[in-house]
Amino acid sequence: MVATDKLFAGSIPEIYDRFLVPLIFESYALDLAHRIAKTDPRDVLEMAAATGVLRRAMASQLPAQAGIAATDLNQPMLDYAAARQPSDDRIVWKQADALALPFADQSFDVAACQFGVMFFPDKVQAYKEARRVLRPGGRYIFNVWDKISENDFADTVTQALAAVFPDDPPRFLARTPHGYHDVERICTDLKAAGFETISVDAVDGISKAPSPGHPAIAYCQGTPLRNEIEARDASRLQEATKLAAEALALRFGRGTVEGRIRGFVIAATR
């Protein structure tokens, strides 16, 4: 992973929330929130909370007495999420590094992470921290994307940008969001962190957008892929987005578009 893979700043949080959240995150957030609610937790820690799609889903499904500590490494993402969230005394916002959580041992019943563990530079250390803050019997519930070839829009955008920058293709999507999909490796990392009881569920879905331009903007301008494009030639961001949209149109049509998405939900018990 390169340093810019973790940088969500500038206009990225707003574009991420407006375009990418409804495209790929909302349905998975509802699924994850349902799984968390079934554990009937008193205290929930959310890591890599981003703009708050999982937190909003949890707030609507968890019991009224359940507290949520929403954390993220990127303060701009937390600021955007907090501004969007109606006043709710159950929620505490805190900038935090998942590798060194600022919470006492055995503070939570559930630790949750919505498509964030792929960004952790030391997965085992992050899992150790999640286990440390869980109470005995507590659960760490998170999801990851399957390989990029199983996620149509991300794959198409990546291929399109390789044609725009053939000498140095931007590989953020394949490298990071879709780069930690080997469930055997994930289970091995969790066991190295001390977890023993682990389950994995594959969850398939359909990504829908009103036009091919929406996923092009979502990925090219609402993720750290934008940082890679601008590092190569900042003046070509709009051109790259347009060419990605054209590639999506050629594959999926010029009206409403649909593509496959696939992820895994992992649950590990302390």
Protein backbone atom coordinates (compact mmCIF):
# COMPACT_ATOMS: atom_id res chain seq x y z
CA MET A 1 0.00 0.00 0.00
CA VAL A 2 1.21 3.52 -0.77
CA ALA A 3 0.71 6.45 1.58
CA THR A 4 -1.97 8.13 -0.57
CA ASP A 5 -4.18 5.00 -0.36
CA LYS A 6 -5.25 6.18 3.11
CA LEU A 7 -5.77 9.84 2.18
CA PHE A 8 -9.45 10.85 2.08
CA ALA A 9 -9.37 14.65 2.02
CA GLY A 10 -10.46 17.68 0.00
CA SER A 11 -13.67 16.99 -1.89
CA ILE A 12 -13.24 13.20 -1.66
CA PRO A 13 -15.50 12.70 1.42
CA GLU A 14 -18.45 14.53 -0.16
CA ILE A 15 -18.13 12.76 -3.53
CA TYR A 16 -17.58 9.43 -1.76
CA ASP A 17 -20.78 9.85 0.24
CA ARG A 18 -22.87 11.16 -2.66
CA PHE A 19 -21.79 8.72 -5.36
CA LEU A 20 -19.95 5.71 -3.91
CA VAL A 21 -22.06 5.02 -0.81
CA PRO A 22 -25.33 4.35 -2.69
CA LEU A 23 -23.42 2.56 -5.43
CA ILE A 24 -21.70 -0.15 -3.36
CA PHE A 25 -21.85 0.45 0.39
CA GLU A 26 -25.48 0.92 1.50
CA SER A 27 -26.72 -2.64 1.02
CA TYR A 28 -23.66 -4.10 2.73
CA ALA A 29 -24.01 -1.65 5.62
CA LEU A 30 -27.60 -2.75 6.21
CA ASP A 31 -26.49 -6.38 6.14
CA LEU A 32 -23.65 -5.75 8.59
CA ALA A 33 -25.87 -3.68 10.91
CA HIS A 34 -28.43 -6.51 10.98
CA ARG A 35 -25.75 -9.01 11.97
CA ILE A 36 -24.50 -6.67 14.70
CA ALA A 37 -28.01 -6.00 16.03
CA LYS A 38 -28.61 -9.75 16.40
CA THR A 39 -25.88 -9.86 19.07
CA ASP A 40 -27.87 -7.34 21.19
CA PRO A 41 -24.77 -5.30 22.11
CA ARG A 42 -24.50 -2.60 24.79
CA ASP A 43 -21.37 -0.97 23.38
CA VAL A 44 -20.19 -1.00 19.76
CA LEU A 45 -16.89 0.22 18.36
CA GLU A 46 -16.82 1.15 14.68
CA MET A 47 -13.43 1.46 13.01
CA ALA A 48 -12.81 3.16 9.65
CA ALA A 49 -16.25 4.75 9.94
CA ALA A 50 -15.71 6.93 6.84
CA THR A 51 -18.77 9.09 6.09
CA GLY A 52 -21.01 7.04 8.36
CA VAL A 53 -23.07 4.66 6.25
CA LEU A 54 -22.66 1.75 8.70
CA ARG A 55 -23.21 3.99 11.70
CA ARG A 56 -26.47 5.30 10.23
CA ALA A 57 -27.60 1.72 9.58
CA MET A 58 -26.67 0.68 13.12
CA ALA A 59 -28.39 3.69 14.68
CA SER A 60 -31.65 2.58 13.09
CA GLN A 61 -31.34 -1.08 14.10
CA LEU A 62 -29.60 -1.15 17.50
CA PRO A 63 -31.54 -0.88 20.77
CA ALA A 64 -31.94 2.59 22.22
CA GLN A 65 -29.48 1.92 25.05
CA ALA A 66 -26.64 0.76 22.78
CA GLY A 67 -23.70 3.16 22.54
CA ILE A 68 -21.58 3.60 19.40
CA ALA A 69 -18.00 4.86 19.33
CA ALA A 70 -17.37 5.88 15.70
CA THR A 71 -13.70 6.20 14.78
CA ASP A 72 -11.64 6.85 11.67
CA LEU A 73 -8.03 7.73 10.90
CA ASN A 74 -9.18 10.52 8.57
CA GLN A 75 -10.59 13.51 10.45
CA PRO A 76 -12.21 14.98 7.27
CA MET A 77 -14.30 11.82 6.90
CA LEU A 78 -15.41 11.99 10.54
CA ASP A 79 -16.23 15.69 10.22
CA TYR A 80 -18.40 14.99 7.19
CA ALA A 81 -20.10 12.04 8.92
CA ALA A 82 -20.80 14.04 12.09
CA ALA A 83 -22.30 16.89 10.07
CA ARG A 84 -24.69 14.46 8.40
CA GLN A 85 -25.76 12.67 11.58
CA PRO A 86 -28.81 13.99 13.45
CA SER A 87 -28.13 14.65 17.13
CA ASP A 88 -27.81 11.31 18.92
CA ASP A 89 -26.43 10.98 22.45
CA ARG A 90 -25.55 7.34 21.80
CA ILE A 91 -22.76 8.26 19.36
CA VAL A 92 -19.24 9.37 20.28
CA TRP A 93 -16.88 10.57 17.52
CA LYS A 94 -13.14 10.03 17.84
CA GLN A 95 -10.22 10.22 15.46
CA ALA A 96 -8.30 6.99 16.04
CA ASP A 97 -5.74 4.67 14.51
CA ALA A 98 -7.03 1.09 14.39
CA LEU A 99 -3.50 -0.12 15.18
CA ALA A 100 -3.47 1.74 18.51
CA LEU A 101 -7.04 2.18 19.72
CA PRO A 102 -7.52 4.78 22.48
CA PHE A 103 -9.87 2.58 24.52
CA ALA A 104 -9.45 0.44 27.61
CA ASP A 105 -9.32 -3.34 27.50
CA GLN A 106 -12.68 -5.13 27.30
CA SER A 107 -14.72 -1.97 26.59
CA PHE A 108 -17.03 -3.25 23.82
CA ASP A 109 -19.37 -6.10 22.98
CA VAL A 110 -18.87 -5.69 19.23
CA ALA A 111 -16.11 -4.21 17.10
CA ALA A 112 -17.21 -3.51 13.53
CA CYS A 113 -15.52 -2.37 10.35
CA GLN A 114 -17.23 -1.74 7.01
CA PHE A 115 -14.71 -2.35 4.19
CA GLY A 116 -11.88 -0.80 6.16
CA VAL A 117 -9.48 -3.56 7.23
CA MET A 118 -7.92 -3.56 3.76
CA PHE A 119 -6.48 -0.13 4.57
CA PHE A 120 -4.77 -1.23 7.80
CA PRO A 121 -1.01 -1.44 7.13
CA ASP A 122 -0.56 -4.15 9.80
CA LYS A 123 -3.63 -6.39 9.73
CA VAL A 124 -2.56 -8.65 12.62
CA GLN A 125 -1.84 -5.70 14.89
CA ALA A 126 -5.23 -4.18 14.04
CA TYR A 127 -6.92 -7.49 14.83
CA LYS A 128 -5.02 -7.69 18.14
CA GLU A 129 -6.30 -4.24 19.04
CA ALA A 130 -9.88 -5.21 18.15
CA ARG A 131 -9.59 -8.32 20.30
CA ARG A 132 -8.07 -6.34 23.18
CA VAL A 133 -11.01 -3.94 23.42
CA LEU A 134 -13.63 -6.70 23.16
CA ARG A 135 -15.22 -8.24 26.22
CA PRO A 136 -15.04 -12.04 26.59
CA GLY A 137 -17.45 -13.52 24.07
CA GLY A 138 -17.49 -10.27 22.10
CA ARG A 139 -17.46 -10.33 18.32
CA TYR A 140 -15.40 -8.62 15.65
CA ILE A 141 -17.62 -8.32 12.57
CA PHE A 142 -16.29 -6.84 9.35
CA ASN A 143 -16.46 -7.16 5.59
CA VAL A 144 -13.99 -7.08 2.70
CA TRP A 145 -14.39 -7.01 -1.06
CA ASP A 146 -13.73 -10.06 -3.19
CA LYS A 147 -11.12 -9.79 -5.94
CA ILE A 148 -11.65 -6.99 -8.42
CA SER A 149 -12.67 -9.29 -11.28
CA GLU A 150 -15.81 -10.13 -9.27
CA ASN A 151 -16.74 -6.43 -8.93
CA ASP A 152 -17.69 -5.16 -12.36
CA PHE A 153 -17.58 -1.37 -12.10
CA ALA A 154 -14.29 -1.24 -10.21
CA ASP A 155 -12.72 -3.66 -12.67
CA THR A 156 -13.91 -1.70 -15.71
CA VAL A 157 -12.67 1.63 -14.31
CA THR A 158 -9.27 0.12 -13.51
CA GLN A 159 -8.89 -1.25 -17.03
CA ALA A 160 -9.96 2.08 -18.56
CA LEU A 161 -7.40 4.04 -16.55
CA ALA A 162 -4.67 1.61 -17.59
CA ALA A 163 -5.31 2.78 -21.15
CA VAL A 164 -5.13 6.44 -20.07
CA PHE A 165 -1.81 5.99 -18.26
CA PRO A 166 -0.23 2.94 -19.98
CA ASP A 167 3.27 3.60 -18.63
CA ASP A 168 2.13 3.73 -15.00
CA PRO A 169 -1.45 2.46 -14.55
CA PRO A 170 -3.27 3.59 -11.38
CA ARG A 171 -3.83 0.39 -9.42
CA PHE A 172 -5.38 1.67 -6.18
CA LEU A 173 -8.67 -0.25 -6.55
CA ALA A 174 -7.01 -3.60 -7.29
CA ARG A 175 -4.20 -3.03 -4.79
CA THR A 176 -6.12 -1.90 -1.70
CA PRO A 177 -9.96 -2.16 -1.66
CA HIS A 178 -9.79 -5.44 -3.61
CA GLY A 179 -6.34 -6.52 -2.48
CA TYR A 180 -7.24 -8.40 0.72
CA HIS A 181 -9.74 -10.99 -0.50
CA ASP A 182 -8.02 -14.29 0.30
CA VAL A 183 -10.22 -15.65 3.10
CA GLU A 184 -7.59 -18.21 4.13
CA ARG A 185 -5.10 -15.41 4.67
CA ILE A 186 -7.70 -13.37 6.58
CA CYS A 187 -8.45 -16.32 8.89
CA THR A 188 -4.74 -16.93 9.39
CA ASP A 189 -4.23 -13.28 10.34
CA LEU A 190 -7.16 -13.41 12.78
CA LYS A 191 -5.80 -16.57 14.41
CA ALA A 192 -2.38 -14.93 14.72
CA ALA A 193 -4.11 -12.12 16.63
CA GLY A 194 -5.70 -14.60 19.07
CA PHE A 195 -9.12 -15.21 17.54
CA GLU A 196 -10.15 -18.86 17.28
CA THR A 197 -13.84 -19.02 16.33
CA ILE A 198 -14.19 -17.48 12.85
CA SER A 199 -16.96 -17.60 10.25
CA VAL A 200 -16.99 -16.33 6.66
CA ASP A 201 -20.04 -15.60 4.48
CA ALA A 202 -19.92 -14.58 0.82
CA VAL A 203 -22.44 -11.84 0.03
CA ASP A 204 -23.32 -11.09 -3.60
CA GLY A 205 -25.13 -8.00 -4.80
CA ILE A 206 -25.89 -5.74 -7.74
CA SER A 207 -24.51 -2.24 -8.10
CA LYS A 208 -26.96 0.17 -9.74
CA ALA A 209 -26.47 3.72 -11.01
CA PRO A 210 -28.60 6.11 -13.10
CA SER A 211 -25.82 6.50 -15.67
CA PRO A 212 -22.27 5.26 -16.38
CA GLY A 213 -21.01 8.67 -15.32
CA HIS A 214 -22.00 8.04 -11.69
CA PRO A 215 -19.63 5.10 -11.03
CA ALA A 216 -16.90 6.86 -13.01
CA ILE A 217 -17.13 9.91 -10.74
CA ALA A 218 -17.50 7.69 -7.65
CA TYR A 219 -14.26 5.83 -8.24
CA CYS A 220 -12.14 8.44 -10.05
CA GLN A 221 -12.99 11.38 -7.80
CA GLY A 222 -14.47 9.92 -4.58
CA THR A 223 -11.65 7.55 -3.58
CA PRO A 224 -7.86 7.76 -3.22
CA LEU A 225 -7.74 6.66 -6.86
CA ARG A 226 -8.09 10.39 -7.47
CA ASN A 227 -4.76 10.94 -5.71
CA GLU A 228 -3.10 8.50 -8.11
CA ILE A 229 -4.61 10.15 -11.18
CA GLU A 230 -3.60 13.62 -10.04
CA ALA A 231 -0.10 12.43 -9.14
CA ARG A 232 0.35 11.36 -12.76
CA ASP A 233 -1.23 14.47 -14.30
CA ALA A 234 -3.64 16.63 -12.29
CA SER A 235 -4.90 18.32 -15.45
CA ARG A 236 -6.27 14.98 -16.72
CA LEU A 237 -8.67 14.15 -13.87
CA GLN A 238 -11.78 15.13 -15.83
CA GLU A 239 -10.50 13.41 -18.96
CA ALA A 240 -9.76 10.22 -17.01
CA THR A 241 -13.23 10.32 -15.45
CA LYS A 242 -14.84 10.81 -18.86
CA LEU A 243 -12.91 7.92 -20.40
CA ALA A 244 -13.84 5.67 -17.46
CA ALA A 245 -17.50 6.62 -18.01
CA GLU A 246 -17.18 5.76 -21.69
CA ALA A 247 -15.71 2.35 -20.87
CA LEU A 248 -18.61 1.70 -18.47
CA ALA A 249 -21.10 2.79 -21.14
CA LEU A 250 -19.60 0.44 -23.69
CA ARG A 251 -19.88 -2.49 -21.30
CA PHE A 252 -23.13 -1.74 -19.47
CA GLY A 253 -25.08 0.71 -21.63
CA ARG A 254 -25.73 4.43 -21.60
CA GLY A 255 -28.83 4.54 -19.42
CA THR A 256 -29.24 2.97 -15.99
CA VAL A 257 -26.33 0.59 -15.41
CA GLU A 258 -26.00 -2.52 -13.27
CA GLY A 259 -22.94 -4.55 -12.33
CA ARG A 260 -21.99 -7.38 -10.00
CA ILE A 261 -20.49 -6.74 -6.58
CA ARG A 262 -19.19 -9.40 -4.20
CA GLY A 263 -17.80 -9.25 -0.69
CA PHE A 264 -17.21 -11.40 2.36
CA VAL A 265 -18.50 -10.93 5.90
CA ILE A 266 -16.16 -12.21 8.59
CA ALA A 267 -17.14 -12.71 12.23
CA ALA A 268 -14.54 -13.60 14.86
CA THR A 269 -15.36 -14.28 18.52
CA ARG A 270 -13.05 -13.35 21.38
